[in-house]
Amino acid sequence: MQQLTDDQLKQGDPNPNLEYTAVGRPQISIMTISGNDVGFSTVINNCVIQLLSVVDCDTTLANVASQIDSQGFQNSLIDTFTHVLAAGRQAEGATPPESFQVYVAGYVQFWNDDDPGCNDVSYNFWGFSTPKLTTDVRHRMNVLVDRLNAKIKSVARQMSGLGVIYVDGFQSSYDTHRFCEPAPRNYLSKPVGKDTWFWHHLSDDLETGGEGPDTPSTVEESNGLRELLLDYLMPDKSQQALMTASNPPSAINAEAFGNEEAFYAAIDKATGDNATAKAWLSENFRRMFHPKGSAYAPYATSFMDVIKANRDLAGSSLTTPAGPPAPSPSPYAGGVCSFHMAENEAPCVSQSEDFSASILLKDNSEAEIGNTKGFASIDANNPLYLDSKLLEPLAVTGEHQGDYVQFTYGRISWTNKTPMMNGTVTVAHCNNGGWDPREGPSCGRISQKAQRNMDCFFQC
């Protein structure tokens, strides 16, 4: 986000010959932003391709989740949108200038995380057999995307009165077109066909603009990217011969493969005046795990639908931000919000996947403002982030040790057993029912789940 505010918001006429041109006279801004800021590229490296030096996948996922949830990240989003609004209105392309709007979309999940076909597949760039793309790892990566989208949407809602509008509605278009969709094993190992809407490092046509073959690929085929990269960054064949899963290129040549910044600097230096090799290597790596050209069509459709629905609403009531944004009109009745939650503990499954809950959320006027529409996981490794008309998602996590449920809304945090207090004032609390049956779920000839109900209240 810093690069956007530093380099891409300069006033003046556009110049296509510059890397970062001036903004011209825009009427709106459309964007996706912040994936790199929270570290999505580290997730792809450490949990999937392991091209560069690797940090433990579990640690990486936890670090990215922590970054998304941080107040600093939320402040950065607010600051970025504020700068874009100010630059757009100063450019005076919109009439009146205050009608300039920012349309921001979230990100798409990369993975089918239900089908087990990829459980023994690895996308390791160097051809090693790990890490495996298990349903658990794929699901946890998808959850991070949902978590980031919820945060972007929350900030956009806070700034909606200033002209920041969140764009959604394209996710379902990617169903059956993600990585690890049900397919023959040879395609799962090299998913480069047109039906897969994201670029893979084995894709043949990143530079030429094609989107892959109509028919399934075979693992025997190679696009030569790995060999070309080694020829430039580790040309010593004796060093290449030392490569193993426990001794990857990052251990042999840490200067080139230590991190992303060093990697691209090494490519630039090694390719020298060979513009073709420089472009082939740089573009292939930068476009991995991005949508192919035709896959942007659902994005474009959603942007246009939301712009058409909101553009006539823009007017002089919007003000140019000179600092932190003013509060926008609330989409719910504030005061004390409440929800009823039914919690299930399933039988015959591990404790890492047995908790689920159904929630009906209401505002201070008892109007419904959110609903899980059925039971959703609240397990510790797959918590629920309930999006609603509230400005923040409601986070719900079931815990076995202590038999409690943790709730978080913004800076309010409590459990079904322990209220949150501010002096003598109760900020959040729950009224609990007991488990039925009391002894919990049973697994045997006749299996039975356990369920309990609770009603919770919190300041909103």
Protein backbone atom coordinates (compact mmCIF):
# COMPACT_ATOMS: atom_id res chain seq x y z
CA MET A 1 0.00 0.00 0.00
CA GLN A 2 2.92 2.32 0.68
CA GLN A 3 4.04 2.08 -2.94
CA LEU A 4 0.58 3.16 -4.08
CA THR A 5 0.48 6.24 -1.89
CA ASP A 6 4.12 7.15 -2.60
CA ASP A 7 4.35 6.54 -6.37
CA GLN A 8 0.94 6.19 -8.00
CA LEU A 9 -1.09 9.21 -6.89
CA LYS A 10 0.83 12.04 -8.52
CA GLN A 11 -1.23 14.81 -10.13
CA GLY A 12 -0.90 15.52 -13.86
CA ASP A 13 -1.53 14.05 -17.29
CA PRO A 14 -0.90 10.31 -17.80
CA ASN A 15 2.35 9.30 -19.51
CA PRO A 16 2.38 5.65 -20.67
CA ASN A 17 6.18 5.72 -20.94
CA LEU A 18 6.60 6.04 -17.17
CA GLU A 19 6.47 3.11 -14.76
CA TYR A 20 4.20 5.14 -12.47
CA THR A 21 2.19 7.62 -14.46
CA ALA A 22 0.22 10.58 -13.11
CA VAL A 23 -3.45 9.99 -12.31
CA GLY A 24 -4.95 12.21 -15.01
CA ARG A 25 -8.58 13.22 -14.40
CA PRO A 26 -10.37 10.10 -13.13
CA GLN A 27 -14.01 9.93 -12.03
CA ILE A 28 -13.62 6.73 -10.02
CA SER A 29 -10.91 4.38 -8.80
CA ILE A 30 -11.17 0.58 -8.91
CA MET A 31 -8.70 -1.59 -7.05
CA THR A 32 -7.74 -4.72 -5.20
CA ILE A 33 -5.11 -4.07 -2.57
CA SER A 34 -3.26 -5.35 0.51
CA GLY A 35 -2.60 -9.01 -0.35
CA ASN A 36 1.14 -8.36 -0.57
CA ASP A 37 1.05 -6.20 2.55
CA VAL A 38 -0.25 -9.00 4.76
CA GLY A 39 2.15 -11.54 3.23
CA PHE A 40 0.13 -13.70 0.84
CA SER A 41 3.26 -14.26 -1.25
CA THR A 42 4.97 -15.81 1.79
CA VAL A 43 2.04 -18.22 2.15
CA ILE A 44 2.44 -19.35 -1.46
CA ASN A 45 6.19 -19.78 -1.03
CA ASN A 46 6.24 -21.45 2.39
CA CYS A 47 3.11 -23.60 2.07
CA VAL A 48 3.05 -24.39 -1.67
CA ILE A 49 5.97 -23.87 -4.08
CA GLN A 50 8.99 -23.43 -1.75
CA LEU A 51 10.92 -21.60 -4.45
CA LEU A 52 12.81 -19.41 -1.97
CA SER A 53 14.02 -19.86 1.58
CA VAL A 54 11.22 -21.46 3.61
CA VAL A 55 9.65 -20.66 6.97
CA ASP A 56 7.31 -23.20 8.58
CA CYS A 57 3.85 -23.13 6.94
CA ASP A 58 1.92 -23.14 10.23
CA THR A 59 3.97 -20.19 11.48
CA THR A 60 3.42 -18.34 8.21
CA LEU A 61 -0.35 -18.81 8.30
CA ALA A 62 -0.48 -17.63 11.92
CA ASN A 63 1.66 -14.57 11.14
CA VAL A 64 -0.53 -13.55 8.20
CA ALA A 65 -3.71 -13.99 10.27
CA SER A 66 -2.20 -11.84 13.02
CA GLN A 67 -1.28 -9.15 10.51
CA ILE A 68 -4.81 -9.09 9.06
CA ASP A 69 -6.30 -8.74 12.54
CA SER A 70 -3.92 -5.98 13.64
CA GLN A 71 -5.00 -2.41 14.25
CA GLY A 72 -1.97 -1.25 12.27
CA PHE A 73 -3.20 -3.01 9.14
CA GLN A 74 -6.68 -1.54 9.52
CA ASN A 75 -5.16 1.92 9.92
CA SER A 76 -3.10 1.38 6.76
CA LEU A 77 -6.23 0.52 4.77
CA ILE A 78 -7.98 3.65 6.06
CA ASP A 79 -4.93 5.78 5.25
CA THR A 80 -4.64 4.32 1.74
CA PHE A 81 -8.30 4.85 0.86
CA THR A 82 -8.09 8.37 2.27
CA HIS A 83 -5.10 9.19 0.06
CA VAL A 84 -6.80 7.78 -3.05
CA LEU A 85 -9.98 9.76 -2.35
CA ALA A 86 -8.00 12.95 -1.84
CA ALA A 87 -5.90 12.47 -5.01
CA GLY A 88 -8.95 11.62 -7.12
CA ARG A 89 -10.86 14.68 -5.98
CA GLN A 90 -7.89 16.98 -6.37
CA ALA A 91 -7.61 15.81 -10.00
CA GLU A 92 -11.12 17.24 -10.62
CA GLY A 93 -12.10 14.64 -13.20
CA ALA A 94 -15.40 14.02 -11.43
CA THR A 95 -18.10 16.69 -11.37
CA PRO A 96 -18.40 17.75 -8.64
CA PRO A 97 -14.99 16.60 -7.37
CA GLU A 98 -16.66 15.18 -4.25
CA SER A 99 -18.42 12.59 -6.43
CA PHE A 100 -15.12 10.74 -7.02
CA GLN A 101 -15.50 7.24 -5.55
CA VAL A 102 -13.23 4.31 -4.70
CA TYR A 103 -14.44 0.79 -5.56
CA VAL A 104 -12.40 -1.94 -3.87
CA ALA A 105 -12.79 -5.70 -4.25
CA GLY A 106 -11.48 -8.57 -2.19
CA TYR A 107 -9.53 -11.63 -3.30
CA VAL A 108 -10.50 -15.02 -4.71
CA GLN A 109 -9.82 -18.33 -2.99
CA PHE A 110 -7.24 -20.35 -4.94
CA TRP A 111 -8.30 -23.81 -3.81
CA ASN A 112 -10.99 -26.42 -3.93
CA ASP A 113 -10.56 -27.54 -0.32
CA ASP A 114 -13.12 -30.37 -0.29
CA ASP A 115 -11.85 -32.88 -2.85
CA PRO A 116 -9.05 -35.14 -1.51
CA GLY A 117 -7.44 -35.65 -4.93
CA CYS A 118 -4.56 -33.24 -4.18
CA ASN A 119 -3.77 -34.68 -0.75
CA ASP A 120 -0.70 -36.46 -2.15
CA VAL A 121 0.19 -33.77 -4.71
CA SER A 122 2.92 -31.16 -4.34
CA TYR A 123 3.46 -27.96 -6.36
CA ASN A 124 7.07 -27.71 -5.17
CA PHE A 125 8.83 -25.60 -7.80
CA TRP A 126 11.97 -27.76 -7.71
CA GLY A 127 10.04 -30.98 -8.25
CA PHE A 128 10.40 -32.31 -4.71
CA SER A 129 7.53 -34.31 -3.23
CA THR A 130 6.67 -31.93 -0.39
CA PRO A 131 4.79 -29.96 0.84
CA LYS A 132 1.56 -31.86 0.20
CA LEU A 133 -1.60 -29.97 -0.71
CA THR A 134 -3.87 -31.56 1.87
CA THR A 135 -7.47 -30.46 2.29
CA ASP A 136 -6.49 -28.99 5.68
CA VAL A 137 -3.75 -26.75 4.27
CA ARG A 138 -5.91 -25.69 1.34
CA HIS A 139 -8.79 -24.86 3.65
CA ARG A 140 -6.61 -22.81 5.97
CA MET A 141 -5.31 -20.78 3.03
CA ASN A 142 -8.88 -20.17 1.85
CA VAL A 143 -9.88 -19.06 5.36
CA LEU A 144 -7.12 -16.43 5.26
CA VAL A 145 -8.59 -15.03 2.04
CA ASP A 146 -12.02 -14.81 3.68
CA ARG A 147 -10.44 -13.17 6.72
CA LEU A 148 -8.70 -10.52 4.61
CA ASN A 149 -11.84 -9.87 2.55
CA ALA A 150 -13.87 -9.37 5.74
CA LYS A 151 -11.36 -6.79 6.97
CA ILE A 152 -11.32 -4.87 3.66
CA LYS A 153 -15.12 -4.93 3.58
CA SER A 154 -15.30 -3.71 7.17
CA VAL A 155 -13.06 -0.71 6.46
CA ALA A 156 -14.95 0.09 3.24
CA ARG A 157 -18.21 0.11 5.20
CA GLN A 158 -16.73 2.47 7.77
CA MET A 159 -15.77 4.82 4.93
CA SER A 160 -18.87 4.36 2.77
CA GLY A 161 -20.10 7.85 3.60
CA LEU A 162 -16.92 9.21 2.04
CA GLY A 163 -17.33 7.21 -1.17
CA VAL A 164 -15.47 3.92 -0.54
CA ILE A 165 -17.56 0.99 -1.82
CA TYR A 166 -16.81 -2.71 -1.46
CA VAL A 167 -17.32 -4.95 -4.50
CA ASP A 168 -18.33 -8.58 -4.09
CA GLY A 169 -20.29 -11.23 -5.97
CA PHE A 170 -17.64 -12.87 -8.15
CA GLN A 171 -16.44 -15.70 -5.88
CA SER A 172 -18.95 -18.31 -7.03
CA SER A 173 -17.92 -17.79 -10.67
CA TYR A 174 -14.58 -19.42 -9.81
CA ASP A 175 -16.21 -22.63 -8.53
CA THR A 176 -14.87 -25.61 -10.56
CA HIS A 177 -12.02 -23.39 -11.86
CA ARG A 178 -9.69 -23.34 -8.85
CA PHE A 179 -6.61 -25.43 -8.17
CA CYS A 180 -7.29 -29.00 -6.99
CA GLU A 181 -10.74 -29.34 -8.55
CA PRO A 182 -11.69 -33.01 -9.11
CA ALA A 183 -9.55 -34.24 -12.02
CA PRO A 184 -7.21 -37.07 -13.08
CA ARG A 185 -3.95 -37.28 -11.13
CA ASN A 186 -1.81 -36.10 -14.04
CA TYR A 187 -3.85 -32.90 -14.30
CA LEU A 188 -3.80 -32.27 -10.55
CA SER A 189 0.02 -32.37 -10.75
CA LYS A 190 0.14 -29.95 -13.67
CA PRO A 191 -3.08 -27.89 -13.71
CA VAL A 192 -2.33 -25.66 -16.68
CA GLY A 193 -5.45 -26.15 -18.82
CA LYS A 194 -7.97 -23.45 -19.64
CA ASP A 195 -10.42 -24.77 -17.05
CA THR A 196 -8.01 -23.68 -14.30
CA TRP A 197 -8.29 -19.91 -14.02
CA PHE A 198 -5.00 -19.24 -12.21
CA TRP A 199 -1.45 -19.32 -13.55
CA HIS A 200 0.70 -22.22 -12.36
CA HIS A 201 4.51 -22.23 -12.46
CA LEU A 202 4.34 -25.03 -15.07
CA SER A 203 2.06 -23.02 -17.38
CA ASP A 204 3.50 -22.67 -20.87
CA ASP A 205 1.92 -19.43 -21.99
CA LEU A 206 2.48 -16.85 -19.28
CA GLU A 207 4.39 -14.52 -21.59
CA THR A 208 2.55 -15.12 -24.86
CA GLY A 209 -0.92 -14.54 -23.44
CA GLY A 210 -2.41 -17.99 -24.06
CA GLU A 211 -4.28 -19.65 -21.23
CA GLY A 212 -3.30 -23.28 -21.63
CA PRO A 213 -4.49 -26.33 -23.57
CA ASP A 214 -8.10 -27.42 -23.90
CA THR A 215 -7.14 -30.98 -22.96
CA PRO A 216 -5.58 -32.24 -19.70
CA SER A 217 -1.83 -31.82 -19.40
CA THR A 218 0.74 -34.47 -18.58
CA VAL A 219 3.38 -34.29 -15.87
CA GLU A 220 6.10 -35.34 -18.30
CA GLU A 221 5.87 -31.99 -20.09
CA SER A 222 8.02 -29.09 -18.88
CA ASN A 223 7.96 -25.41 -19.73
CA GLY A 224 11.72 -25.13 -19.11
CA LEU A 225 11.33 -22.41 -16.48
CA ARG A 226 13.16 -24.32 -13.75
CA GLU A 227 16.10 -25.15 -16.02
CA LEU A 228 16.37 -21.58 -17.31
CA LEU A 229 16.30 -20.16 -13.79
CA LEU A 230 19.10 -22.46 -12.66
CA ASP A 231 21.15 -21.62 -15.76
CA TYR A 232 21.12 -17.96 -14.75
CA LEU A 233 21.11 -18.03 -10.95
CA MET A 234 23.01 -21.25 -10.20
CA PRO A 235 24.84 -22.15 -13.43
CA ASP A 236 27.45 -24.37 -11.74
CA LYS A 237 26.31 -27.91 -12.63
CA SER A 238 28.14 -29.34 -9.62
CA GLN A 239 26.00 -27.12 -7.37
CA GLN A 240 22.84 -28.19 -9.19
CA ALA A 241 23.80 -31.81 -8.59
CA LEU A 242 23.76 -31.16 -4.84
CA MET A 243 20.08 -30.17 -4.85
CA THR A 244 17.80 -32.30 -2.66
CA ALA A 245 14.64 -31.67 -0.66
CA SER A 246 16.80 -31.10 2.42
CA ASN A 247 19.36 -29.06 0.46
CA PRO A 248 17.30 -26.82 -1.85
CA PRO A 249 18.74 -23.94 -3.91
CA SER A 250 18.05 -21.49 -1.06
CA ALA A 251 20.55 -23.44 1.07
CA ILE A 252 23.13 -23.54 -1.74
CA ASN A 253 22.78 -19.94 -2.96
CA ALA A 254 21.07 -17.92 -0.23
CA GLU A 255 22.08 -14.66 -1.92
CA ALA A 256 19.79 -15.36 -4.89
CA PHE A 257 17.08 -17.46 -3.24
CA GLY A 258 16.95 -15.97 0.26
CA ASN A 259 13.90 -13.74 -0.22
CA GLU A 260 11.73 -12.20 -2.91
CA GLU A 261 13.59 -8.90 -3.16
CA ALA A 262 16.97 -10.62 -3.50
CA PHE A 263 15.51 -13.08 -6.00
CA TYR A 264 14.32 -10.43 -8.47
CA ALA A 265 17.52 -8.44 -8.03
CA ALA A 266 19.51 -11.59 -8.86
CA ILE A 267 17.43 -12.19 -12.00
CA ASP A 268 17.93 -8.61 -13.13
CA LYS A 269 21.69 -8.83 -12.60
CA ALA A 270 22.17 -12.29 -14.11
CA THR A 271 20.16 -11.70 -17.29
CA GLY A 272 21.92 -8.41 -18.02
CA ASP A 273 21.05 -7.18 -21.51
CA ASN A 274 19.08 -10.31 -22.42
CA ALA A 275 15.64 -8.68 -22.38
CA THR A 276 13.88 -11.87 -23.49
CA ALA A 277 15.25 -13.97 -20.62
CA LYS A 278 14.68 -11.14 -18.15
CA ALA A 279 11.03 -10.78 -19.18
CA TRP A 280 10.42 -14.54 -19.34
CA LEU A 281 11.74 -15.14 -15.84
CA SER A 282 10.34 -12.02 -14.16
CA GLU A 283 6.87 -12.21 -15.68
CA ASN A 284 6.46 -15.93 -15.04
CA PHE A 285 7.17 -15.59 -11.34
CA ARG A 286 5.20 -12.39 -10.84
CA ARG A 287 2.08 -13.83 -12.48
CA MET A 288 2.00 -17.18 -10.67
CA PHE A 289 -1.22 -17.61 -8.66
CA HIS A 290 -2.83 -14.62 -10.35
CA PRO A 291 -6.00 -15.00 -12.45
CA LYS A 292 -5.62 -15.57 -16.18
CA GLY A 293 -6.94 -12.88 -18.50
CA SER A 294 -10.40 -14.33 -19.09
CA ALA A 295 -10.75 -15.03 -15.35
CA TYR A 296 -10.98 -11.28 -14.73
CA ALA A 297 -14.37 -11.20 -16.48
CA PRO A 298 -16.31 -12.01 -13.25
CA TYR A 299 -14.38 -9.23 -11.50
CA ALA A 300 -15.25 -6.80 -14.30
CA THR A 301 -18.92 -7.77 -14.22
CA SER A 302 -19.14 -7.31 -10.46
CA PHE A 303 -17.35 -3.96 -10.60
CA MET A 304 -19.71 -2.71 -13.31
CA ASP A 305 -22.82 -3.92 -11.46
CA VAL A 306 -21.78 -2.18 -8.24
CA ILE A 307 -20.71 1.00 -10.04
CA LYS A 308 -24.07 1.19 -11.83
CA ALA A 309 -25.88 0.66 -8.54
CA ASN A 310 -23.93 3.37 -6.71
CA ARG A 311 -22.76 5.96 -9.21
CA ASP A 312 -25.98 7.97 -9.18
CA LEU A 313 -25.75 8.18 -5.40
CA ALA A 314 -22.52 10.18 -5.55
CA GLY A 315 -22.94 13.88 -4.97
CA SER A 316 -21.94 16.95 -3.10
CA SER A 317 -22.74 15.31 0.23
CA LEU A 318 -19.41 13.50 -0.07
CA THR A 319 -16.53 15.48 1.37
CA THR A 320 -12.82 15.44 0.62
CA PRO A 321 -11.06 13.75 3.55
CA ALA A 322 -8.47 15.91 5.26
CA GLY A 323 -7.62 13.34 7.93
CA PRO A 324 -9.23 10.31 9.55
CA PRO A 325 -12.64 9.63 7.96
CA ALA A 326 -15.80 10.76 9.68
CA PRO A 327 -18.23 8.06 10.79
CA SER A 328 -20.68 7.03 8.08
CA PRO A 329 -24.40 6.43 8.69
CA SER A 330 -24.81 3.12 10.51
CA PRO A 331 -26.48 0.26 8.60
CA TYR A 332 -27.82 -1.10 11.90
CA ALA A 333 -29.37 0.17 15.13
CA GLY A 334 -26.51 0.58 17.56
CA GLY A 335 -26.66 0.01 21.28
CA VAL A 336 -26.76 -3.59 22.45
CA CYS A 337 -26.64 -6.27 19.77
CA SER A 338 -27.51 -9.88 20.50
CA PHE A 339 -27.39 -13.32 18.97
CA HIS A 340 -28.78 -16.75 19.61
CA MET A 341 -26.28 -19.54 19.02
CA ALA A 342 -26.86 -23.27 18.79
CA GLU A 343 -23.57 -25.16 19.18
CA ASN A 344 -23.03 -28.74 18.03
CA GLU A 345 -20.30 -31.17 19.06
CA ALA A 346 -20.19 -33.95 16.47
CA PRO A 347 -19.51 -37.60 17.33
CA CYS A 348 -16.91 -39.90 15.77
CA VAL A 349 -14.57 -37.14 14.53
CA SER A 350 -11.36 -35.65 15.90
CA GLN A 351 -11.51 -32.76 18.35
CA SER A 352 -9.98 -30.51 15.71
CA GLU A 353 -13.13 -30.64 13.59
CA ASP A 354 -16.11 -31.40 15.82
CA PHE A 355 -17.48 -27.96 16.80
CA SER A 356 -20.01 -26.08 14.66
CA ALA A 357 -22.58 -23.40 15.35
CA SER A 358 -25.65 -21.69 13.93
CA ILE A 359 -26.03 -17.99 14.75
CA LEU A 360 -28.84 -15.46 14.30
CA LEU A 361 -27.57 -11.92 14.93
CA LYS A 362 -29.82 -8.94 15.77
CA ASP A 363 -29.23 -5.24 16.36
CA ASN A 364 -30.55 -3.05 19.18
CA SER A 365 -33.99 -2.85 17.53
CA GLU A 366 -34.22 -6.66 17.24
CA ALA A 367 -33.83 -6.48 13.44
CA GLU A 368 -31.86 -9.36 11.92
CA ILE A 369 -28.44 -8.18 10.71
CA GLY A 370 -26.59 -11.47 10.21
CA ASN A 371 -27.15 -15.20 9.92
CA THR A 372 -24.88 -18.20 9.35
CA LYS A 373 -27.69 -19.82 7.32
CA GLY A 374 -27.02 -23.19 8.86
CA PHE A 375 -24.17 -24.65 10.88
CA ALA A 376 -20.60 -23.46 10.27
CA SER A 377 -17.32 -24.60 11.78
CA ILE A 378 -16.09 -22.82 14.92
CA ASP A 379 -13.13 -25.15 15.55
CA ALA A 380 -9.92 -23.56 16.79
CA ASN A 381 -8.14 -24.28 13.49
CA ASN A 382 -11.16 -23.13 11.47
CA PRO A 383 -12.95 -20.38 13.42
CA LEU A 384 -16.04 -18.59 12.19
CA TYR A 385 -15.89 -14.99 10.98
CA LEU A 386 -19.53 -13.98 10.62
CA ASP A 387 -19.97 -11.10 8.21
CA SER A 388 -23.06 -8.99 8.82
CA LYS A 389 -24.26 -5.39 8.76
CA LEU A 390 -21.93 -4.70 11.67
CA LEU A 391 -18.75 -2.80 10.89
CA GLU A 392 -16.55 -5.74 11.96
CA PRO A 393 -16.97 -9.51 11.57
CA LEU A 394 -17.98 -11.45 14.68
CA ALA A 395 -15.25 -14.03 15.38
CA VAL A 396 -16.34 -17.26 17.08
CA THR A 397 -13.97 -20.01 18.29
CA GLY A 398 -14.91 -23.14 20.21
CA GLU A 399 -12.36 -24.47 22.71
CA HIS A 400 -12.24 -27.96 24.21
CA GLN A 401 -9.92 -27.13 27.09
CA GLY A 402 -12.18 -25.33 29.53
CA ASP A 403 -15.26 -26.07 27.39
CA TYR A 404 -15.91 -22.48 26.36
CA VAL A 405 -16.58 -20.39 23.25
CA GLN A 406 -14.49 -17.29 22.55
CA PHE A 407 -16.21 -14.30 20.92
CA THR A 408 -14.51 -11.22 19.48
CA TYR A 409 -16.08 -8.15 17.91
CA GLY A 410 -13.55 -5.41 17.18
CA ARG A 411 -11.92 -4.68 20.54
CA ILE A 412 -14.64 -6.45 22.52
CA SER A 413 -13.64 -9.96 23.58
CA TRP A 414 -15.47 -12.33 25.91
CA THR A 415 -16.44 -15.99 26.35
CA ASN A 416 -19.76 -17.66 26.98
CA LYS A 417 -18.54 -18.19 30.57
CA THR A 418 -16.66 -14.93 31.23
CA PRO A 419 -18.22 -11.52 30.51
CA MET A 420 -16.23 -8.46 29.46
CA MET A 421 -16.49 -5.65 32.01
CA ASN A 422 -15.62 -1.96 31.92
CA GLY A 423 -15.56 -1.13 35.60
CA THR A 424 -19.03 -2.04 36.81
CA VAL A 425 -20.54 -1.92 33.31
CA THR A 426 -21.06 -5.20 31.45
CA VAL A 427 -19.79 -4.76 27.88
CA ALA A 428 -20.56 -8.30 26.70
CA HIS A 429 -21.95 -11.49 28.25
CA CYS A 430 -23.83 -14.71 27.49
CA ASN A 431 -26.66 -16.67 29.07
CA ASN A 432 -25.87 -20.37 28.67
CA GLY A 433 -27.78 -23.59 28.41
CA GLY A 434 -26.16 -26.94 29.18
CA TRP A 435 -25.07 -29.70 26.84
CA ASP A 436 -27.73 -32.17 25.73
CA PRO A 437 -26.93 -34.95 26.45
CA ARG A 438 -25.00 -33.79 29.52
CA GLU A 439 -22.17 -36.30 28.97
CA GLY A 440 -21.52 -35.02 25.43
CA PRO A 441 -21.58 -36.82 22.06
CA SER A 442 -21.49 -40.59 21.83
CA CYS A 443 -19.86 -42.69 19.14
CA GLY A 444 -20.84 -46.31 18.74
CA ARG A 445 -23.57 -48.46 17.32
CA ILE A 446 -25.89 -45.49 17.75
CA SER A 447 -23.97 -42.23 17.41
CA GLN A 448 -25.37 -39.01 18.83
CA LYS A 449 -24.22 -35.41 18.68
CA ALA A 450 -24.38 -33.05 21.65
CA GLN A 451 -25.91 -29.58 21.44
CA ARG A 452 -26.25 -26.54 23.65
CA ASN A 453 -27.85 -23.14 23.17
CA MET A 454 -26.87 -19.70 24.38
CA ASP A 455 -27.95 -16.09 24.03
CA CYS A 456 -25.23 -13.45 23.99
CA PHE A 457 -25.27 -9.66 24.21
CA PHE A 458 -22.59 -7.05 23.41
CA GLN A 459 -22.26 -3.32 22.88
CA CYS A 460 -22.39 -2.36 19.23
